């Protein structure tokens, strides 16, 4: 779709105080950028007010003229002081907008721009502008976001436009319907990618907070269970988690594609979600009351790593699986590893038996059945689960518990290669993948894979194939043999 642009070139006037030479320079550079970089016609005393002109008439004409679309009032300590005390000095700094002039101007024409904060981090706003919404451009780190906001305001192109009123929904089952705040934030992220990628980090933080509010809607009370078939309630809630899971995965995909995915954000997310593995309400509870949350945690971790692998974020994955996690639970806090995000789900295995589905693992069955191919393929998910297992062994993560067990292993063809490991045959690709394993050189990686071993017998009971050593998928001598 073609971008839209206003046909009329916007015209703005800047009113400011000559507080200091540095402040004058700040104003001049802002005016210069608006004019040169964004095609906005700026009226400024330094280039529009000439000798012999009536400066007061010039100022009033700039503010009241219908040809001027916006008036930018640059608010610093000097402007506030002169406006509040009705003082003027010599020269152009007396050109301050007065309340009398303001009365004859439309509200949306005046834009207060805060260029300085006081010692208490409050803006220097004149009394007659105190009630106006302003744009804060005082923080150098946030200046670009504020500048974007200003240009959009001048161009009448707000980032957020009120959407048309849609059709109201009809609820056949009110109790099963949940409203997800995260969906709105993901929508904002999609738009930010096109208009202002710098907003993505802040939106990611908002996403986490909203995610846990959404997740709280899926709690199960003991009274909700049919004790003849308690797994039915777990399955019902698991179905409700799919859009929430997809919002999380799309967030990771967007952040990864824009190179702003942060390990700490992911670690914090999985630390916070862990509290949902225990029932914390009052009254009766059961051992499987939080199984839908536990399933979602394990599934989301595999999905997240699959997306990160697809985006070649190898260092992030290495940090994610190597790091310690501080998990809160009812009796305090314990230091855990990513392997603590895998659970045995008794409700699902009892369901397997109750309905006679005869799955080797009902958990693995559901994970593979719920794949959203919009984000990853089935093979990519199966590969990610295996990579997590090999990393847990090679990085010696929770050796006392045997590392991460790849529950979906039973759904992969035994001879099917793992794409990422097959890529190690290329020297160029091997060098980029080193970060995943945390090795400094290809020779170190060859040595590690050569000496790799894990305990025998890694398999589901009743199945024939053990999980093979990593060298089954990539022989040490094959690493980096091709360009």
Protein backbone atom coordinates (compact mmCIF):
# COMPACT_ATOMS: atom_id res chain seq x y z
CA UNK A 1 0.00 0.00 0.00
CA UNK A 2 1.34 3.44 -0.98
CA UNK A 3 2.25 5.78 1.87
CA UNK A 4 -0.01 8.78 2.32
CA UNK A 5 1.34 12.32 2.52
CA UNK A 6 -0.44 15.59 3.19
CA UNK A 7 -0.55 17.68 0.02
CA UNK A 8 -0.06 20.95 1.91
CA UNK A 9 3.40 21.65 3.30
CA UNK A 10 2.90 22.25 7.04
CA UNK A 11 4.07 25.58 8.43
CA UNK A 12 5.15 25.96 12.06
CA UNK A 13 6.36 28.86 14.17
CA UNK A 14 8.79 28.36 17.04
CA UNK A 15 8.49 30.57 20.10
CA UNK A 16 11.35 30.39 22.60
CA UNK A 17 13.49 32.34 25.02
CA UNK A 18 17.11 33.29 24.43
CA UNK A 19 18.01 31.75 27.77
CA UNK A 20 21.56 30.66 26.93
CA UNK A 21 23.64 30.28 23.78
CA UNK A 22 23.42 26.51 24.21
CA UNK A 23 19.62 26.68 24.35
CA UNK A 24 19.51 28.92 21.27
CA UNK A 25 21.65 26.36 19.42
CA UNK A 26 19.32 23.53 20.54
CA UNK A 27 16.31 25.42 19.14
CA UNK A 28 18.11 26.32 15.93
CA UNK A 29 19.13 22.69 15.30
CA UNK A 30 15.58 21.50 15.92
CA UNK A 31 14.21 24.06 13.44
CA UNK A 32 16.92 23.18 10.93
CA UNK A 33 16.16 19.45 11.14
CA UNK A 34 12.40 19.94 10.81
CA UNK A 35 12.95 22.02 7.67
CA UNK A 36 15.77 20.11 5.96
CA UNK A 37 15.11 16.52 7.01
CA UNK A 38 11.32 16.46 7.14
CA UNK A 39 10.20 19.17 4.72
CA UNK A 40 8.35 21.25 7.33
CA UNK A 41 8.36 25.02 6.70
CA UNK A 42 9.63 26.54 9.97
CA UNK A 43 9.21 30.22 10.84
CA UNK A 44 12.01 31.26 13.19
CA UNK A 45 13.12 34.69 14.33
CA UNK A 46 16.74 33.99 13.41
CA UNK A 47 15.95 33.73 9.72
CA UNK A 48 12.52 35.40 9.36
CA UNK A 49 12.77 38.52 11.56
CA UNK A 50 14.83 41.27 9.93
CA UNK A 51 16.03 44.68 11.00
CA UNK A 52 13.22 47.23 10.93
CA UNK A 53 10.50 44.63 11.52
CA UNK A 54 8.05 45.07 14.40
CA UNK A 55 8.93 42.03 16.47
CA UNK A 56 5.73 42.08 18.55
CA UNK A 57 3.54 42.29 15.46
CA UNK A 58 5.61 39.48 13.92
CA UNK A 59 5.07 37.26 16.96
CA UNK A 60 1.33 37.87 17.17
CA UNK A 61 0.91 37.35 13.43
CA UNK A 62 2.79 34.04 13.61
CA UNK A 63 0.53 32.77 16.40
CA UNK A 64 -2.82 33.92 15.05
CA UNK A 65 -2.33 33.58 11.30
CA UNK A 66 -4.37 30.77 9.70
CA UNK A 67 -1.34 30.10 7.48
CA UNK A 68 0.58 28.83 10.53
CA UNK A 69 -0.47 25.25 11.27
CA UNK A 70 1.35 24.76 14.57
CA UNK A 71 3.10 26.91 17.15
CA UNK A 72 5.91 25.15 19.00
CA UNK A 73 6.48 26.69 22.43
CA UNK A 74 9.94 25.65 23.66
CA UNK A 75 9.66 25.50 27.45
CA UNK A 76 12.82 25.87 29.54
CA UNK A 77 13.53 27.70 32.80
CA UNK A 78 14.03 30.99 30.96
CA UNK A 79 10.74 30.78 29.09
CA UNK A 80 8.82 29.80 32.25
CA UNK A 81 10.35 32.61 34.30
CA UNK A 82 9.67 35.34 31.74
CA UNK A 83 6.16 34.13 30.94
CA UNK A 84 5.12 33.79 34.58
CA UNK A 85 6.52 37.17 35.63
CA UNK A 86 5.53 38.86 32.37
CA UNK A 87 9.12 40.00 32.01
CA UNK A 88 10.88 40.66 28.78
CA UNK A 89 14.47 41.45 28.24
CA UNK A 90 16.13 43.11 25.37
CA UNK A 91 15.99 41.53 21.94
CA UNK A 92 13.96 38.69 20.60
CA UNK A 93 13.68 36.75 23.85
CA UNK A 94 10.71 38.94 24.67
CA UNK A 95 8.74 37.16 21.99
CA UNK A 96 6.74 35.07 24.41
CA UNK A 97 3.21 33.88 23.79
CA UNK A 98 0.86 35.47 26.31
CA UNK A 99 -2.39 34.10 27.70
CA UNK A 100 -4.24 36.90 25.91
CA UNK A 101 -2.94 35.75 22.54
CA UNK A 102 -3.59 32.11 23.45
CA UNK A 103 -7.30 32.81 23.97
CA UNK A 104 -7.74 33.43 20.25
CA UNK A 105 -5.97 30.26 19.11
CA UNK A 106 -7.32 26.73 18.64
CA UNK A 107 -6.09 24.31 21.32
CA UNK A 108 -4.50 21.87 18.89
CA UNK A 109 -2.41 24.64 17.32
CA UNK A 110 -0.15 25.16 20.34
CA UNK A 111 2.34 22.38 21.11
CA UNK A 112 4.39 22.84 24.30
CA UNK A 113 7.88 21.34 23.83
CA UNK A 114 9.75 20.71 27.08
CA UNK A 115 13.49 21.10 26.57
CA UNK A 116 14.51 21.14 30.24
CA UNK A 117 13.38 19.64 33.58
CA UNK A 118 13.89 21.06 37.05
CA UNK A 119 15.74 19.34 39.92
CA UNK A 120 12.63 17.28 40.74
CA UNK A 121 12.27 16.14 37.12
CA UNK A 122 9.27 18.42 36.56
CA UNK A 123 8.88 20.31 33.28
CA UNK A 124 9.42 24.08 33.13
CA UNK A 125 5.92 24.93 31.93
CA UNK A 126 4.51 28.46 32.14
CA UNK A 127 1.37 28.73 34.25
CA UNK A 128 -0.87 29.27 31.23
CA UNK A 129 0.41 26.01 29.67
CA UNK A 130 0.25 23.82 32.78
CA UNK A 131 -2.91 22.03 31.68
CA UNK A 132 -1.68 21.36 28.14
CA UNK A 133 -0.32 17.99 27.02
CA UNK A 134 3.32 18.50 26.07
CA UNK A 135 6.08 16.64 24.23
CA UNK A 136 9.12 15.97 26.41
CA UNK A 137 12.34 16.41 24.41
CA UNK A 138 14.59 16.96 27.42
CA UNK A 139 16.02 13.42 27.54
CA UNK A 140 18.75 12.82 24.96
CA UNK A 141 18.17 9.05 25.05
CA UNK A 142 14.47 9.45 24.22
CA UNK A 143 14.89 12.43 21.90
CA UNK A 144 14.39 10.43 18.70
CA UNK A 145 11.08 8.98 19.91
CA UNK A 146 9.92 12.45 20.94
CA UNK A 147 11.04 13.94 17.63
CA UNK A 148 9.06 11.26 15.76
CA UNK A 149 6.03 12.12 17.89
CA UNK A 150 6.43 15.82 17.08
CA UNK A 151 6.71 15.31 13.31
CA UNK A 152 3.65 13.05 13.31
CA UNK A 153 1.72 15.68 15.27
CA UNK A 154 2.69 18.41 12.81
CA UNK A 155 1.84 16.22 9.81
CA UNK A 156 -1.43 15.13 11.42
CA UNK A 157 -0.27 11.52 11.11
CA UNK A 158 -0.65 10.06 14.62
CA UNK A 159 0.89 6.66 15.30
CA UNK A 160 -2.38 5.50 16.85
CA UNK A 161 -5.55 6.24 14.92
CA UNK A 162 -8.95 5.36 16.23
CA UNK A 163 -10.01 2.27 14.27
CA UNK A 164 -13.50 2.01 12.79
CA UNK A 165 -16.08 0.52 15.10
CA UNK A 166 -16.25 -3.19 14.41
CA UNK A 167 -19.02 -5.69 14.72
CA UNK A 168 -19.88 -6.75 18.26
CA UNK A 169 -19.20 -10.36 19.15
CA UNK A 170 -21.81 -12.90 20.07
CA UNK A 171 -20.74 -15.11 22.97
CA UNK A 172 -22.06 -18.62 22.89
CA UNK A 173 -20.12 -19.51 26.01
CA UNK A 174 -19.29 -16.49 28.14
CA UNK A 175 -17.25 -18.45 30.65
CA UNK A 176 -14.89 -19.82 28.00
CA UNK A 177 -14.25 -16.43 26.41
CA UNK A 178 -11.23 -14.44 27.53
CA UNK A 179 -9.98 -11.09 26.39
CA UNK A 180 -6.24 -10.94 25.73
CA UNK A 181 -4.48 -7.62 26.26
CA UNK A 182 -1.36 -9.06 24.63
CA UNK A 183 -3.11 -9.19 21.27
CA UNK A 184 -3.34 -5.40 21.23
CA UNK A 185 0.32 -5.01 22.11
CA UNK A 186 1.41 -7.41 19.37
CA UNK A 187 -0.66 -5.33 16.96
CA UNK A 188 1.20 -2.21 18.14
CA UNK A 189 4.50 -4.03 17.60
CA UNK A 190 3.61 -4.86 14.00
CA UNK A 191 2.90 -1.21 13.34
CA UNK A 192 6.02 -0.05 15.19
CA UNK A 193 8.20 -2.20 12.93
CA UNK A 194 7.09 -0.03 10.01
CA UNK A 195 6.84 3.35 11.70
CA UNK A 196 9.10 3.47 14.75
CA UNK A 197 11.18 0.35 15.62
CA UNK A 198 12.70 2.15 18.61
CA UNK A 199 9.40 1.63 20.43
CA UNK A 200 9.73 -2.17 20.35
CA UNK A 201 11.78 -2.46 23.55
CA UNK A 202 9.20 -0.52 25.55
CA UNK A 203 6.38 -2.52 23.99
CA UNK A 204 8.17 -5.78 24.93
CA UNK A 205 8.15 -4.68 28.57
CA UNK A 206 4.43 -3.84 28.32
CA UNK A 207 3.83 -7.21 26.70
CA UNK A 208 5.27 -9.12 29.68
CA UNK A 209 3.06 -7.31 32.18
CA UNK A 210 -0.04 -7.84 30.05
CA UNK A 211 0.85 -11.49 29.40
CA UNK A 212 0.68 -12.36 33.08
CA UNK A 213 -2.61 -10.54 33.46
CA UNK A 214 -3.95 -12.58 30.55
CA UNK A 215 -2.54 -15.78 31.99
CA UNK A 216 -4.25 -15.17 35.31
CA UNK A 217 -7.63 -15.50 33.57
CA UNK A 218 -6.89 -19.18 32.97
CA UNK A 219 -6.66 -20.25 36.61
CA UNK A 220 -8.66 -23.35 37.56
CA UNK A 221 -10.46 -23.72 40.87
CA UNK A 222 -10.76 -27.13 42.45
CA UNK A 223 -14.55 -26.90 42.16
CA UNK A 224 -14.24 -26.55 38.37
CA UNK A 225 -13.09 -30.15 37.95
CA UNK A 226 -15.27 -33.10 37.09
CA UNK A 227 -13.41 -35.59 39.25
CA UNK A 228 -14.49 -38.43 36.95
CA UNK A 229 -12.56 -36.77 34.12
CA UNK A 230 -10.44 -33.93 35.57
CA UNK A 231 -8.25 -33.86 32.47
CA UNK A 232 -11.13 -32.39 30.45
CA UNK A 233 -10.79 -29.08 32.27
CA UNK A 234 -7.02 -29.09 31.66
CA UNK A 235 -7.60 -29.63 27.93
CA UNK A 236 -10.20 -26.87 27.85
CA UNK A 237 -7.78 -24.40 29.40
CA UNK A 238 -4.95 -25.58 27.17
CA UNK A 239 -7.08 -24.72 24.16
CA UNK A 240 -7.52 -21.24 25.62
CA UNK A 241 -3.73 -20.82 25.89
CA UNK A 242 -3.08 -21.14 22.14
CA UNK A 243 -3.67 -17.47 21.20
CA UNK A 244 -1.68 -16.36 24.24
CA UNK A 245 1.20 -18.66 23.28
CA UNK A 246 1.11 -17.35 19.73
CA UNK A 247 1.22 -13.75 20.94
CA UNK A 248 4.36 -14.61 22.93
CA UNK A 249 6.02 -16.34 19.99
CA UNK A 250 5.17 -13.54 17.58
CA UNK A 251 6.69 -11.06 20.04
CA UNK A 252 9.94 -13.04 20.08
CA UNK A 253 9.87 -13.26 16.27
CA UNK A 254 9.41 -9.49 15.91
CA UNK A 255 12.13 -8.67 18.43
CA UNK A 256 14.53 -11.17 16.84
CA UNK A 257 13.95 -9.95 13.31
CA UNK A 258 14.69 -6.39 14.46
CA UNK A 259 17.82 -7.42 16.42
CA UNK A 260 16.57 -6.20 19.79
CA UNK A 261 15.85 -9.52 21.50
CA UNK A 262 17.37 -9.46 24.99
CA UNK A 263 18.36 -12.51 27.03
CA UNK A 264 17.45 -10.78 30.29
CA UNK A 265 13.94 -10.09 29.04
CA UNK A 266 13.48 -13.79 28.24
CA UNK A 267 14.95 -14.95 31.56
CA UNK A 268 12.73 -12.54 33.46
CA UNK A 269 9.72 -13.82 31.51
CA UNK A 270 10.34 -17.47 32.42
CA UNK A 271 11.16 -16.60 36.02
CA UNK A 272 7.85 -14.78 36.35
CA UNK A 273 5.78 -17.47 34.66
CA UNK A 274 7.13 -20.13 37.05
CA UNK A 275 4.88 -18.89 39.87
CA UNK A 276 1.92 -20.31 37.92
CA UNK A 277 3.17 -23.85 38.49
CA UNK A 278 1.78 -23.80 42.04
CA UNK A 279 -1.78 -23.24 43.19
CA UNK A 280 -1.80 -20.13 45.38
CA UNK A 281 -5.44 -19.63 46.17
CA UNK A 282 -7.51 -20.69 49.13
CA UNK A 283 -9.44 -23.90 49.60
CA UNK A 284 -8.89 -27.33 48.15
CA UNK A 285 -6.32 -28.02 45.46
CA UNK A 286 -5.01 -30.97 43.47
CA UNK A 287 -1.61 -32.03 42.16
CA UNK A 288 -2.67 -31.44 38.56
CA UNK A 289 -4.46 -28.13 39.05
CA UNK A 290 -1.66 -26.17 37.32
CA UNK A 291 -0.81 -28.70 34.62
CA UNK A 292 -2.10 -26.45 31.84
CA UNK A 293 0.36 -23.77 32.96
CA UNK A 294 3.22 -26.26 33.18
CA UNK A 295 2.49 -27.52 29.68
CA UNK A 296 2.40 -23.96 28.34
CA UNK A 297 5.75 -23.13 29.97
CA UNK A 298 7.52 -26.15 28.47
CA UNK A 299 5.92 -25.63 25.06
CA UNK A 300 6.73 -21.91 25.03
CA UNK A 301 10.38 -22.54 25.86
CA UNK A 302 10.79 -24.96 22.97
CA UNK A 303 8.94 -22.60 20.64
CA UNK A 304 11.04 -19.63 21.73
CA UNK A 305 14.30 -21.48 21.11
CA UNK A 306 13.02 -22.76 17.75
CA UNK A 307 12.29 -19.19 16.62
CA UNK A 308 15.68 -17.98 17.92
CA UNK A 309 17.44 -20.80 16.06
CA UNK A 310 15.56 -19.90 12.91
CA UNK A 311 16.72 -16.29 13.32
CA UNK A 312 20.33 -17.44 14.02
CA UNK A 313 20.33 -15.85 17.49
CA UNK A 314 22.90 -18.37 18.70
CA UNK A 315 24.46 -16.28 21.45
CA UNK A 316 21.04 -15.53 22.95
CA UNK A 317 20.18 -19.25 23.09
CA UNK A 318 23.53 -20.07 24.68
CA UNK A 319 22.97 -17.43 27.36
CA UNK A 320 19.39 -18.57 27.85
CA UNK A 321 20.29 -22.21 28.52
CA UNK A 322 23.49 -21.43 30.48
CA UNK A 323 21.99 -18.89 32.86
CA UNK A 324 20.60 -19.47 36.31
CA UNK A 325 16.96 -18.65 36.97
CA UNK A 326 15.63 -17.38 40.29
CA UNK A 327 12.29 -19.15 40.64
CA UNK A 328 9.80 -18.10 43.29
CA UNK A 329 7.66 -20.74 44.91
CA UNK A 330 5.54 -20.90 48.05
CA UNK A 331 8.42 -21.65 50.41
CA UNK A 332 10.79 -19.06 49.00
CA UNK A 333 13.13 -18.78 46.04
CA UNK A 334 15.42 -21.35 44.50
CA UNK A 335 18.15 -21.06 41.90
CA UNK A 336 17.28 -23.25 38.96
CA UNK A 337 18.13 -23.91 35.34
CA UNK A 338 16.14 -24.03 32.15
CA UNK A 339 15.73 -27.77 32.69
CA UNK A 340 13.36 -26.91 35.56
CA UNK A 341 10.91 -25.69 32.92
CA UNK A 342 10.14 -29.24 31.82
CA UNK A 343 7.45 -31.11 33.77
CA UNK A 344 5.81 -34.50 34.12
CA UNK A 345 2.09 -33.85 33.66
CA UNK A 346 0.08 -36.51 35.46
CA UNK A 347 -3.27 -35.16 34.24
CA UNK A 348 -2.33 -35.63 30.59
CA UNK A 349 -0.91 -39.11 31.10
CA UNK A 350 -4.05 -40.14 33.03
CA UNK A 351 -6.08 -38.76 30.12
CA UNK A 352 -4.01 -40.90 27.76
CA UNK A 353 -5.10 -43.95 29.72
CA UNK A 354 -8.69 -42.81 30.35
CA UNK A 355 -9.58 -42.21 26.69
CA UNK A 356 -7.46 -45.11 25.44
CA UNK A 357 -5.38 -43.01 23.04
CA UNK A 358 -2.29 -45.19 23.60
CA UNK A 359 0.15 -42.36 22.95
CA UNK A 360 3.71 -42.97 24.11
CA UNK A 361 3.59 -39.47 25.59
CA UNK A 362 0.39 -37.44 25.56
CA UNK A 363 2.44 -34.30 26.31
CA UNK A 364 4.58 -34.86 23.22
CA UNK A 365 1.47 -35.60 21.18
CA UNK A 366 -0.15 -32.30 22.17
CA UNK A 367 2.99 -30.24 21.56
CA UNK A 368 3.27 -31.57 18.01
CA UNK A 369 -0.49 -31.31 17.38
CA UNK A 370 -0.60 -27.65 18.43
CA UNK A 371 2.21 -26.44 16.15
CA UNK A 372 1.49 -23.11 14.47
CA UNK A 373 3.33 -23.31 11.16
CA UNK A 374 3.05 -19.54 10.78
CA UNK A 375 6.09 -19.34 13.07
CA UNK A 376 7.89 -22.68 12.79
CA UNK A 377 7.53 -26.00 11.03
CA UNK A 378 7.15 -29.31 12.82
CA UNK A 379 10.71 -30.24 11.90
CA UNK A 380 12.06 -26.96 13.31
CA UNK A 381 10.28 -27.63 16.60
CA UNK A 382 11.58 -31.21 16.79
CA UNK A 383 15.11 -29.99 15.99
CA UNK A 384 14.93 -27.29 18.68
CA UNK A 385 13.89 -29.85 21.32
CA UNK A 386 16.90 -32.03 20.40
CA UNK A 387 19.30 -29.07 20.37
CA UNK A 388 18.14 -28.14 23.88
CA UNK A 389 18.95 -31.68 24.99
CA UNK A 390 22.45 -31.66 23.48
CA UNK A 391 23.18 -28.21 24.87
CA UNK A 392 22.10 -29.27 28.35
CA UNK A 393 24.65 -32.12 28.21
CA UNK A 394 27.50 -30.20 26.54
CA UNK A 395 27.10 -27.19 28.84
CA UNK A 396 26.72 -29.47 31.87
CA UNK A 397 23.35 -28.00 32.86
CA UNK A 398 21.82 -29.75 35.89
CA UNK A 399 23.92 -32.94 35.50
CA UNK A 400 22.32 -34.44 38.60
CA UNK A 401 18.99 -34.53 36.75
CA UNK A 402 20.29 -35.65 33.37
CA UNK A 403 19.67 -32.46 31.44
CA UNK A 404 16.72 -31.60 29.23
CA UNK A 405 14.74 -34.59 28.01
CA UNK A 406 13.51 -34.00 24.40
CA UNK A 407 9.95 -35.20 24.85
CA UNK A 408 9.12 -34.81 21.14
CA UNK A 409 11.96 -37.14 20.08
CA UNK A 410 9.45 -39.95 19.49
CA UNK A 411 7.92 -37.94 16.63
CA UNK A 412 11.07 -37.51 14.59
CA UNK A 413 12.34 -39.92 12.00
CA UNK A 414 15.42 -41.52 13.56
CA UNK A 415 17.51 -40.92 10.44
CA UNK A 416 16.18 -37.41 9.79
CA UNK A 417 19.12 -34.97 10.05
CA UNK A 418 19.10 -31.99 12.40
CA UNK A 419 19.51 -29.09 10.00
CA UNK A 420 21.58 -26.90 12.28
CA UNK A 421 24.07 -29.68 12.97
CA UNK A 422 24.28 -30.54 9.26
CA UNK A 423 25.22 -26.90 8.60
CA UNK A 424 28.37 -27.37 10.67
CA UNK A 425 29.92 -29.02 7.62
CA UNK A 426 30.29 -25.52 6.18
CA UNK A 427 33.23 -23.57 7.65
CA UNK A 428 31.42 -20.26 7.21
CA UNK A 429 28.31 -21.50 8.96
CA UNK A 430 30.24 -23.38 11.64
CA UNK A 431 32.02 -20.18 12.65
CA UNK A 432 28.69 -18.41 13.16
CA UNK A 433 27.20 -21.35 15.08
CA UNK A 434 30.11 -21.51 17.55
CA UNK A 435 28.29 -19.01 19.77
CA UNK A 436 25.50 -21.54 20.31
CA UNK A 437 27.87 -23.97 22.00
CA UNK A 438 30.03 -21.32 23.64
CA UNK A 439 33.30 -22.37 22.01
CA UNK A 440 35.98 -20.01 20.72
CA UNK A 441 37.16 -22.12 17.81
CA UNK A 442 36.06 -24.85 15.44
CA UNK A 443 38.76 -27.10 16.85
CA UNK A 444 37.27 -26.74 20.33
CA UNK A 445 33.86 -27.70 18.95
CA UNK A 446 35.30 -30.73 17.13
CA UNK A 447 36.93 -31.86 20.36
CA UNK A 448 33.73 -31.39 22.39
CA UNK A 449 31.61 -33.38 19.93
CA UNK A 450 34.28 -36.06 19.69
CA UNK A 451 34.26 -36.59 23.47
CA UNK A 452 30.49 -36.13 23.85
CA UNK A 453 28.50 -38.81 25.60
CA UNK A 454 25.39 -39.08 27.72
CA UNK A 455 23.96 -41.85 29.83
CA UNK A 456 22.61 -44.79 27.88
CA UNK A 457 18.93 -45.55 28.01
CA UNK A 458 17.58 -42.11 27.13
CA UNK A 459 14.24 -43.14 25.67
CA UNK A 460 10.58 -43.55 26.51
CA UNK A 461 9.67 -46.85 28.12
CA UNK A 462 8.41 -49.30 25.56
CA UNK A 463 10.19 -47.71 22.60
CA UNK A 464 13.14 -49.21 20.79
CA UNK A 465 15.37 -46.27 19.92
CA UNK A 466 17.59 -44.52 22.41
CA UNK A 467 18.42 -40.85 21.84
CA UNK A 468 21.66 -40.98 19.83
CA UNK A 469 24.90 -39.19 20.64
CA UNK A 470 25.31 -35.88 18.83
CA UNK A 471 28.01 -37.38 16.59
CA UNK A 472 25.27 -39.49 14.98
CA UNK A 473 24.05 -36.26 13.34
CA UNK A 474 27.44 -34.58 12.79
CA UNK A 475 30.76 -36.39 12.84
CA UNK A 476 33.63 -34.34 14.33
CA UNK A 477 35.78 -34.82 11.25
CA UNK A 478 32.97 -33.44 9.02
CA UNK A 479 32.86 -30.06 10.79
CA UNK A 480 34.04 -27.17 8.57
CA UNK A 481 35.21 -29.41 5.71
CA UNK A 482 33.31 -27.29 3.16
CA UNK A 483 33.65 -23.55 2.48
